[in-house]
C-alpha atoms as a PDB file:
ATOM      1  CA  MET A   1      71.211 -26.073 -26.103  1.00  0.00           C
ATOM      2  CA  THR A   2      72.611 -23.323 -23.964  1.00  0.00           C
ATOM      3  CA  LYS A   3      70.705 -21.452 -21.270  1.00  0.00           C
ATOM      4  CA  GLN A   4      70.660 -18.374 -23.491  1.00  0.00           C
ATOM      5  CA  GLU A   5      69.105 -20.346 -26.351  1.00  0.00           C
ATOM      6  CA  PHE A   6      66.602 -21.836 -23.924  1.00  0.00           C
ATOM      7  CA  GLY A   7      65.740 -18.303 -22.807  1.00  0.00           C
ATOM      8  CA  ARG A   8      64.988 -17.366 -26.418  1.00  0.00           C
ATOM      9  CA  LEU A   9      62.641 -20.346 -26.760  1.00  0.00           C
ATOM     10  CA  VAL A  10      60.842 -19.395 -23.560  1.00  0.00           C
ATOM     11  CA  ALA A  11      60.439 -15.839 -24.866  1.00  0.00           C
ATOM     12  CA  VAL A  12      58.854 -17.161 -28.072  1.00  0.00           C
ATOM     13  CA  ILE A  13      56.465 -19.419 -26.144  1.00  0.00           C
ATOM     14  CA  ARG A  14      55.476 -16.590 -23.800  1.00  0.00           C
ATOM     15  CA  GLY A  15      55.016 -14.248 -26.753  1.00  0.00           C
ATOM     16  CA  VAL A  16      52.753 -16.655 -28.593  1.00  0.00           C
ATOM     17  CA  TYR A  17      50.671 -17.969 -25.706  1.00  0.00           C
ATOM     18  CA  ARG A  18      50.558 -15.117 -23.182  1.00  0.00           C
ATOM     19  CA  ASP A  19      50.269 -17.654 -20.359  1.00  0.00           C
ATOM     20  CA  ASP A  20      51.217 -16.050 -17.010  1.00  0.00           C
ATOM     21  CA  LYS A  21      51.509 -19.488 -15.378  1.00  0.00           C
ATOM     22  CA  PHE A  22      54.079 -20.751 -17.900  1.00  0.00           C
ATOM     23  CA  LEU A  23      57.433 -20.996 -16.085  1.00  0.00           C
ATOM     24  CA  ALA A  24      56.223 -18.662 -13.373  1.00  0.00           C
ATOM     25  CA  ASN A  25      59.282 -19.249 -11.185  1.00  0.00           C
ATOM     26  CA  SER A  26      62.968 -20.085 -11.535  1.00  0.00           C
ATOM     27  CA  GLU A  27      62.505 -23.633 -10.221  1.00  0.00           C
ATOM     28  CA  SER A  28      60.116 -24.576 -13.004  1.00  0.00           C
ATOM     29  CA  ALA A  29      62.403 -22.913 -15.568  1.00  0.00           C
ATOM     30  CA  GLN A  30      65.317 -24.976 -14.243  1.00  0.00           C
ATOM     31  CA  VAL A  31      63.277 -28.194 -14.513  1.00  0.00           C
ATOM     32  CA  TRP A  32      62.297 -27.364 -18.082  1.00  0.00           C
ATOM     33  CA  TYR A  33      65.878 -26.543 -19.033  1.00  0.00           C
ATOM     34  CA  SER A  34      67.232 -29.743 -17.462  1.00  0.00           C
ATOM     35  CA  LEU A  35      64.712 -31.811 -19.468  1.00  0.00           C
ATOM     36  CA  LEU A  36      65.319 -30.021 -22.768  1.00  0.00           C
ATOM     37  CA  LYS A  37      69.014 -29.069 -22.702  1.00  0.00           C
ATOM     38  CA  ASP A  38      70.108 -32.211 -24.590  1.00  0.00           C
ATOM     39  CA  ILE A  39      68.186 -31.035 -27.672  1.00  0.00           C
ATOM     40  CA  ASP A  40      69.835 -29.103 -30.467  1.00  0.00           C
ATOM     41  CA  TYR A  41      68.595 -25.491 -30.430  1.00  0.00           C
ATOM     42  CA  GLU A  42      67.549 -25.431 -34.091  1.00  0.00           C
ATOM     43  CA  ARG A  43      65.431 -28.555 -33.646  1.00  0.00           C
ATOM     44  CA  ALA A  44      63.906 -27.173 -30.452  1.00  0.00           C
ATOM     45  CA  LYS A  45      63.105 -23.902 -32.209  1.00  0.00           C
ATOM     46  CA  ALA A  46      61.460 -25.804 -35.076  1.00  0.00           C
ATOM     47  CA  ALA A  47      59.394 -27.769 -32.539  1.00  0.00           C
ATOM     48  CA  VAL A  48      58.245 -24.577 -30.809  1.00  0.00           C
ATOM     49  CA  VAL A  49      57.267 -23.044 -34.157  1.00  0.00           C
ATOM     50  CA  LYS A  50      55.435 -26.204 -35.250  1.00  0.00           C
ATOM     51  CA  HIS A  51      53.600 -26.411 -31.928  1.00  0.00           C
ATOM     52  CA  SER A  52      52.726 -22.714 -32.104  1.00  0.00           C
ATOM     53  CA  LEU A  53      51.224 -23.224 -35.554  1.00  0.00           C
ATOM     54  CA  THR A  54      49.243 -26.338 -34.672  1.00  0.00           C
ATOM     55  CA  SER A  55      48.101 -25.939 -31.069  1.00  0.00           C
ATOM     56  CA  ARG A  56      46.325 -23.217 -29.191  1.00  0.00           C
ATOM     57  CA  TRP A  57      47.620 -24.449 -25.822  1.00  0.00           C
ATOM     58  CA  THR A  58      50.944 -23.778 -24.155  1.00  0.00           C
ATOM     59  CA  PRO A  59      53.252 -26.736 -24.862  1.00  0.00           C
ATOM     60  CA  THR A  60      54.412 -29.276 -22.342  1.00  0.00           C
ATOM     61  CA  ILE A  61      57.888 -30.780 -22.322  1.00  0.00           C
ATOM     62  CA  ALA A  62      56.447 -34.016 -23.688  1.00  0.00           C
ATOM     63  CA  GLU A  63      54.708 -32.209 -26.540  1.00  0.00           C
ATOM     64  CA  LEU A  64      57.886 -30.397 -27.550  1.00  0.00           C
ATOM     65  CA  ARG A  65      59.919 -33.605 -27.429  1.00  0.00           C
ATOM     66  CA  GLU A  66      57.225 -35.314 -29.510  1.00  0.00           C
ATOM     67  CA  GLN A  67      57.350 -32.489 -32.073  1.00  0.00           C
ATOM     68  CA  ILE A  68      61.130 -32.875 -32.278  1.00  0.00           C
ATOM     69  CA  ALA A  69      60.810 -36.628 -32.775  1.00  0.00           C
ATOM     70  CA  ASP A  70      58.240 -35.978 -35.522  1.00  0.00           C
ATOM     71  CA  ILE A  71      60.591 -33.556 -37.240  1.00  0.00           C
ATOM     72  CA  GLN A  72      63.532 -35.945 -37.304  1.00  0.00           C
ATOM     73  CA  ALA A  73      61.609 -39.227 -37.654  1.00  0.00           C
ATOM     74  CA  ASP A  74      61.813 -41.471 -40.679  1.00  0.00           C
ATOM     75  CA  LYS A  75      58.632 -40.750 -42.622  1.00  0.00           C
ATOM     76  CA  SER A  76      58.673 -43.982 -44.604  1.00  0.00           C
ATOM     77  CA  ASP A  77      55.399 -45.832 -44.849  1.00  0.00           C
ATOM     78  CA  TRP A  78      54.890 -49.533 -44.147  1.00  0.00           C
ATOM     79  CA  SER A  79      53.504 -49.997 -47.668  1.00  0.00           C
ATOM     80  CA  ASP A  80      56.794 -48.745 -49.127  1.00  0.00           C
ATOM     81  CA  GLY A  81      58.580 -51.319 -47.001  1.00  0.00           C
ATOM     82  CA  TRP A  82      56.232 -54.093 -48.132  1.00  0.00           C
ATOM     83  CA  GLN A  83      56.792 -53.136 -51.772  1.00  0.00           C
ATOM     84  CA  GLU A  84      60.519 -53.322 -51.076  1.00  0.00           C
ATOM     85  CA  VAL A  85      60.077 -56.880 -49.751  1.00  0.00           C
ATOM     86  CA  LEU A  86      58.112 -57.978 -52.807  1.00  0.00           C
ATOM     87  CA  THR A  87      60.713 -56.452 -55.113  1.00  0.00           C
ATOM     88  CA  ALA A  88      63.486 -58.231 -53.189  1.00  0.00           C
ATOM     89  CA  VAL A  89      61.649 -61.563 -53.502  1.00  0.00           C
ATOM     90  CA  ARG A  90      61.454 -61.140 -57.288  1.00  0.00           C
ATOM     91  CA  LYS A  91      65.004 -59.829 -57.573  1.00  0.00           C
ATOM     92  CA  PHE A  92      66.852 -62.232 -55.241  1.00  0.00           C
ATOM     93  CA  GLY A  93      64.576 -65.214 -54.648  1.00  0.00           C
ATOM     94  CA  TYR A  94      64.558 -67.824 -51.934  1.00  0.00           C
ATOM     95  CA  MET A  95      68.240 -68.801 -52.128  1.00  0.00           C
ATOM     96  CA  ASN A  96      69.786 -65.311 -51.886  1.00  0.00           C
ATOM     97  CA  GLU A  97      68.549 -64.187 -48.503  1.00  0.00           C
ATOM     98  CA  SER A  98      71.758 -62.435 -47.430  1.00  0.00           C
ATOM     99  CA  GLU A  99      71.891 -60.364 -50.638  1.00  0.00           C
ATOM    100  CA  ALA A 100      68.216 -59.472 -50.301  1.00  0.00           C
ATOM    101  CA  MET A 101      68.671 -58.413 -46.673  1.00  0.00           C
ATOM    102  CA  GLU A 102      71.646 -56.257 -47.555  1.00  0.00           C
ATOM    103  CA  TRP A 103      69.675 -54.630 -50.391  1.00  0.00           C
ATOM    104  CA  MET A 104      66.725 -53.649 -48.147  1.00  0.00           C
ATOM    105  CA  SER A 105      66.473 -50.532 -45.993  1.00  0.00           C
ATOM    106  CA  PRO A 106      67.230 -51.114 -42.285  1.00  0.00           C
ATOM    107  CA  MET A 107      63.611 -50.973 -41.095  1.00  0.00           C
ATOM    108  CA  THR A 108      62.338 -53.272 -43.846  1.00  0.00           C
ATOM    109  CA  ARG A 109      65.231 -55.671 -43.196  1.00  0.00           C
ATOM    110  CA  GLU A 110      64.430 -55.895 -39.488  1.00  0.00           C
ATOM    111  CA  VAL A 111      60.723 -56.533 -40.048  1.00  0.00           C
ATOM    112  CA  THR A 112      61.458 -59.082 -42.785  1.00  0.00           C
ATOM    113  CA  LYS A 113      63.832 -60.967 -40.477  1.00  0.00           C
ATOM    114  CA  ARG A 114      61.113 -61.151 -37.836  1.00  0.00           C
ATOM    115  CA  LEU A 115      58.634 -62.564 -40.344  1.00  0.00           C
ATOM    116  CA  GLY A 116      61.152 -64.906 -41.948  1.00  0.00           C
ATOM    117  CA  TRP A 117      62.557 -64.574 -45.460  1.00  0.00           C
ATOM    118  CA  GLN A 118      61.835 -68.182 -46.421  1.00  0.00           C
ATOM    119  CA  GLN A 119      58.280 -67.950 -45.131  1.00  0.00           C
ATOM    120  CA  ILE A 120      57.681 -64.856 -47.261  1.00  0.00           C
ATOM    121  CA  CYS A 121      59.217 -66.477 -50.343  1.00  0.00           C
ATOM    122  CA  GLU A 122      57.244 -69.725 -49.930  1.00  0.00           C
ATOM    123  CA  SER A 123      53.854 -68.210 -49.182  1.00  0.00           C
ATOM    124  CA  GLY A 124      51.151 -68.174 -51.804  1.00  0.00           C
ATOM    125  CA  THR A 125      48.645 -65.414 -52.455  1.00  0.00           C
ATOM    126  CA  ASP A 126      46.581 -66.218 -49.354  1.00  0.00           C
ATOM    127  CA  GLY A 127      49.694 -66.428 -47.194  1.00  0.00           C
ATOM    128  CA  LEU A 128      51.000 -63.134 -48.525  1.00  0.00           C
ATOM    129  CA  THR A 129      47.822 -61.388 -47.399  1.00  0.00           C
ATOM    130  CA  ALA A 130      48.395 -62.480 -43.805  1.00  0.00           C
ATOM    131  CA  LEU A 131      52.121 -61.721 -43.999  1.00  0.00           C
ATOM    132  CA  ARG A 132      51.338 -58.259 -45.369  1.00  0.00           C
ATOM    133  CA  ALA A 133      49.068 -57.561 -42.389  1.00  0.00           C
ATOM    134  CA  ASN A 134      51.728 -58.807 -39.972  1.00  0.00           C
ATOM    135  CA  PHE A 135      54.391 -56.777 -41.781  1.00  0.00           C
ATOM    136  CA  ARG A 136      52.292 -53.632 -41.359  1.00  0.00           C
ATOM    137  CA  MET A 137      51.703 -54.255 -37.656  1.00  0.00           C
ATOM    138  CA  ILE A 138      55.377 -54.943 -36.901  1.00  0.00           C
ATOM    139  CA  TYR A 139      56.582 -52.028 -39.063  1.00  0.00           C
ATOM    140  CA  GLU A 140      54.269 -49.532 -37.367  1.00  0.00           C
ATOM    141  CA  GLN A 141      55.132 -50.847 -33.892  1.00  0.00           C
ATOM    142  CA  LYS A 142      58.826 -50.454 -34.684  1.00  0.00           C
ATOM    143  CA  GLN A 143      58.276 -46.903 -35.980  1.00  0.00           C
ATOM    144  CA  ASN A 144      56.393 -45.990 -32.795  1.00  0.00           C
ATOM    145  CA  ALA A 145      59.126 -47.492 -30.610  1.00  0.00           C
ATOM    146  CA  ILE A 146      61.791 -45.530 -32.475  1.00  0.00           C
ATOM    147  CA  LYS A 147      59.790 -42.327 -32.165  1.00  0.00           C
ATOM    148  CA  THR A 148      59.310 -42.876 -28.420  1.00  0.00           C
ATOM    149  CA  GLU A 149      63.033 -43.549 -28.019  1.00  0.00           C
ATOM    150  CA  MET A 150      63.798 -40.336 -29.921  1.00  0.00           C
ATOM    151  CA  GLN A 151      61.643 -38.365 -27.478  1.00  0.00           C
ATOM    152  CA  LEU A 152      63.770 -39.413 -24.527  1.00  0.00           C
ATOM    153  CA  PRO A 153      67.065 -37.762 -23.607  1.00  0.00           C
ATOM    154  CA  SER A 154      70.131 -39.602 -24.882  1.00  0.00           C
ATOM    155  CA  GLY A 155      71.276 -42.229 -22.409  1.00  0.00           C
ATOM    156  CA  PHE A 156      67.909 -42.348 -20.640  1.00  0.00           C
ATOM    157  CA  SER A 157      66.989 -45.862 -21.753  1.00  0.00           C
ATOM    158  CA  GLU A 158      70.418 -47.175 -20.788  1.00  0.00           C
ATOM    159  CA  ALA A 159      70.117 -45.560 -17.341  1.00  0.00           C
ATOM    160  CA  VAL A 160      66.727 -47.238 -16.840  1.00  0.00           C
ATOM    161  CA  LYS A 161      68.199 -50.619 -17.863  1.00  0.00           C
ATOM    162  CA  GLN A 162      71.023 -50.186 -15.371  1.00  0.00           C
ATOM    163  CA  LEU A 163      68.549 -49.234 -12.663  1.00  0.00           C
ATOM    164  CA  ASN A 164      66.433 -52.303 -13.437  1.00  0.00           C
ATOM    165  CA  ASN A 165      69.508 -54.521 -13.339  1.00  0.00           C
ATOM    166  CA  SER A 166      70.562 -53.114  -9.979  1.00  0.00           C
ATOM    167  CA  MET A 167      67.018 -53.663  -8.645  1.00  0.00           C
ATOM    168  CA  LYS A 168      67.219 -57.336  -9.710  1.00  0.00           C
ATOM    169  CA  LEU A 169      70.347 -57.723  -7.588  1.00  0.00           C
ATOM    170  CA  ILE A 170      68.419 -56.562  -4.521  1.00  0.00           C
ATOM    171  CA  ASP A 171      65.557 -59.043  -5.008  1.00  0.00           C
END
């Protein structure tokens, strides 16, 4: 987003919240811009509107980034993924794991790989109950991790990894 677009967002926030302390000086405005400039203006505008409609408090950077992640996040439900697994078991069976994995959506595929295709296929009714619970837990954890990653500026996670690797060299 450009500085002009950022200025429009700030004007909307100030107009809605009437908070005299919000970006009271140029330094705080510069910090806000540096932490939001990687976001597409239309998405940022949608986040400001959504926040304005759902919160009576002036937004923080984290809240706006969370709203943006919510807007662009995959809204699939773990139960849809589990149904996809059960359908794949019936459709492809034990011996056609690669075809089943290719048929599944990416999130369902990843969770199924972690649980084990053969284990799912071989489990009885009691085993499926436990696998279903584990599937839900893993699926929701993965969704939360993706959402958190979406809230961060692009390249942030890689920069942290590089920093951690350089710190290991010092130890």
